[in-house]
Amino acid sequence: MALHNFDNDDAADFLADFADDPSEVQLLEVLVTAAEEEGYLERDAAAAALAAAEIVAAWRGSPAPAFPPELLAPTDELDVSDEDELPDLARRAVQAALGQSAKSELQELWQASGQLAQWRAVQQDLLQRLSAE
């Protein structure tokens, strides 16, 4: 089974909220929470931030293969106030989920599952898509 950032309840909840109100504010709320965490990033916040980062990557033209097709149109139509800040914030949130700037419960859970290397590869791919021009 392929790993992706949409296959969990926290991501699904965030995606449902975004589908109801596809706005930059929705993205900023979860990305800032993760990116600015300095202590311990909880699983739910990390999973929502990864889903938001996937939306940012899709908005930049690099959606994941598993990106929900019903979100492509609202993502393409996003009105973003700072086109440089949003991808940078998304990258910082992914790095936080990876445990690079804070302890990450999600990273710990993937380590305990024995699939940490595969999960990290998914996040590295996301970081590359966020950086693609």
Protein backbone atom coordinates (compact mmCIF):
# COMPACT_ATOMS: atom_id res chain seq x y z
CA MET A 1 0.00 0.00 0.00
CA ALA A 2 1.40 3.38 -0.98
CA LEU A 3 1.84 5.99 1.71
CA HIS A 4 0.43 9.46 1.20
CA ASN A 5 -0.56 12.45 3.31
CA PHE A 6 -4.31 12.10 2.82
CA ASP A 7 -4.87 8.68 4.38
CA ASN A 8 -5.67 9.62 7.98
CA ASP A 9 -8.57 11.12 9.91
CA ASP A 10 -6.80 14.38 10.77
CA ALA A 11 -5.97 15.08 7.12
CA ALA A 12 -9.50 14.10 6.08
CA ASP A 13 -10.98 16.51 8.62
CA PHE A 14 -8.76 19.33 7.37
CA LEU A 15 -9.56 18.56 3.72
CA ALA A 16 -13.31 18.62 4.50
CA ASP A 17 -12.91 22.03 6.16
CA PHE A 18 -10.90 23.28 3.19
CA ALA A 19 -13.50 21.96 0.73
CA ASP A 20 -16.18 23.92 2.63
CA ASP A 21 -14.08 27.11 2.66
CA PRO A 22 -11.14 26.91 0.22
CA SER A 23 -9.17 29.89 1.46
CA GLU A 24 -5.64 30.91 2.22
CA VAL A 25 -6.71 31.49 5.84
CA GLN A 26 -7.53 27.78 6.21
CA LEU A 27 -4.03 26.90 5.03
CA LEU A 28 -2.26 29.53 7.10
CA GLU A 29 -3.90 28.44 10.35
CA VAL A 30 -2.57 24.88 10.23
CA LEU A 31 0.75 25.69 8.56
CA VAL A 32 1.65 28.37 11.10
CA THR A 33 0.72 26.06 13.99
CA ALA A 34 3.17 23.42 12.75
CA ALA A 35 5.90 25.70 11.43
CA GLU A 36 6.15 27.74 14.61
CA GLU A 37 6.03 24.82 17.07
CA GLU A 38 9.23 24.74 19.09
CA GLY A 39 8.39 22.01 21.59
CA TYR A 40 6.30 19.00 20.62
CA LEU A 41 4.19 18.88 17.46
CA GLU A 42 1.11 16.74 18.07
CA ARG A 43 0.02 14.15 15.53
CA ASP A 44 -3.22 15.89 14.57
CA ALA A 45 -1.53 19.25 13.93
CA ALA A 46 1.25 17.61 11.92
CA ALA A 47 -1.15 15.55 9.77
CA ALA A 48 -3.32 18.60 9.02
CA ALA A 49 -0.21 20.63 8.15
CA LEU A 50 1.00 17.95 5.74
CA ALA A 51 -2.40 17.95 4.01
CA ALA A 52 -2.26 21.76 3.80
CA ALA A 53 1.27 21.58 2.39
CA GLU A 54 0.00 19.16 -0.25
CA ILE A 55 -2.63 21.74 -1.20
CA VAL A 56 0.09 24.38 -1.52
CA ALA A 57 2.15 22.05 -3.74
CA ALA A 58 -0.93 21.45 -5.92
CA TRP A 59 -1.59 25.19 -6.09
CA ARG A 60 1.99 25.59 -7.35
CA GLY A 61 1.24 23.04 -10.09
CA SER A 62 2.76 19.92 -8.49
CA PRO A 63 -0.06 17.86 -6.95
CA ALA A 64 0.66 14.45 -5.45
CA PRO A 65 -0.65 11.48 -7.45
CA ALA A 66 -3.11 10.81 -4.61
CA PHE A 67 -4.33 14.43 -4.46
CA PRO A 68 -8.14 14.42 -4.15
CA PRO A 69 -9.46 15.32 -7.62
CA GLU A 70 -12.44 17.22 -6.19
CA LEU A 71 -10.01 19.71 -4.62
CA LEU A 72 -8.08 20.53 -7.80
CA ALA A 73 -10.45 23.27 -9.00
CA PRO A 74 -10.76 25.08 -5.62
CA THR A 75 -6.99 24.79 -5.18
CA ASP A 76 -6.31 26.29 -8.60
CA GLU A 77 -8.63 29.20 -7.79
CA LEU A 78 -7.00 30.07 -4.44
CA ASP A 79 -6.49 33.79 -3.90
CA VAL A 80 -3.09 33.98 -2.20
CA SER A 81 -1.84 37.27 -0.76
CA ASP A 82 1.88 36.39 -0.66
CA GLU A 83 2.91 33.86 -3.29
CA ASP A 84 6.42 33.45 -1.84
CA GLU A 85 5.49 33.23 1.84
CA LEU A 86 2.94 30.41 1.52
CA PRO A 87 5.31 27.81 -0.01
CA ASP A 88 8.03 28.78 2.49
CA LEU A 89 5.62 28.34 5.37
CA ALA A 90 4.51 24.98 3.94
CA ARG A 91 8.14 23.80 3.71
CA ARG A 92 8.73 24.82 7.33
CA ALA A 93 5.61 22.93 8.41
CA VAL A 94 6.77 19.76 6.61
CA GLN A 95 10.18 20.07 8.24
CA ALA A 96 8.48 20.38 11.64
CA ALA A 97 6.42 17.24 10.96
CA LEU A 98 9.68 15.49 10.09
CA GLY A 99 11.00 16.44 13.53
CA GLN A 100 13.62 18.86 12.22
CA SER A 101 12.56 21.92 14.27
CA ALA A 102 10.56 20.31 17.08
CA LYS A 103 9.80 16.85 18.40
CA SER A 104 7.10 15.33 16.20
CA GLU A 105 4.56 12.80 17.43
CA LEU A 106 3.73 11.85 13.84
CA GLN A 107 7.38 11.10 13.09
CA GLU A 108 7.54 8.99 16.27
CA LEU A 109 4.43 7.04 15.24
CA TRP A 110 5.88 6.29 11.81
CA GLN A 111 9.12 5.17 13.44
CA ALA A 112 7.19 2.82 15.73
CA SER A 113 5.30 1.42 12.71
CA GLY A 114 8.53 0.39 11.00
CA GLN A 115 7.69 2.54 7.96
CA LEU A 116 9.63 5.67 8.85
CA ALA A 117 11.89 5.50 5.77
CA GLN A 118 8.92 5.27 3.40
CA TRP A 119 7.08 8.09 5.19
CA ARG A 120 10.18 10.28 5.11
CA ALA A 121 10.49 9.64 1.35
CA VAL A 122 6.92 10.90 0.87
CA GLN A 123 7.76 14.06 2.81
CA GLN A 124 11.01 14.61 0.90
CA ASP A 125 9.02 14.36 -2.33
CA LEU A 126 6.57 16.93 -0.95
CA LEU A 127 9.44 19.27 -0.07
CA GLN A 128 10.78 18.95 -3.63
CA ARG A 129 7.34 19.69 -5.10
CA LEU A 130 7.02 22.75 -2.84
CA SER A 131 10.38 24.00 -4.09
CA ALA A 132 9.74 23.29 -7.80
CA GLU A 133 9.58 26.34 -10.02
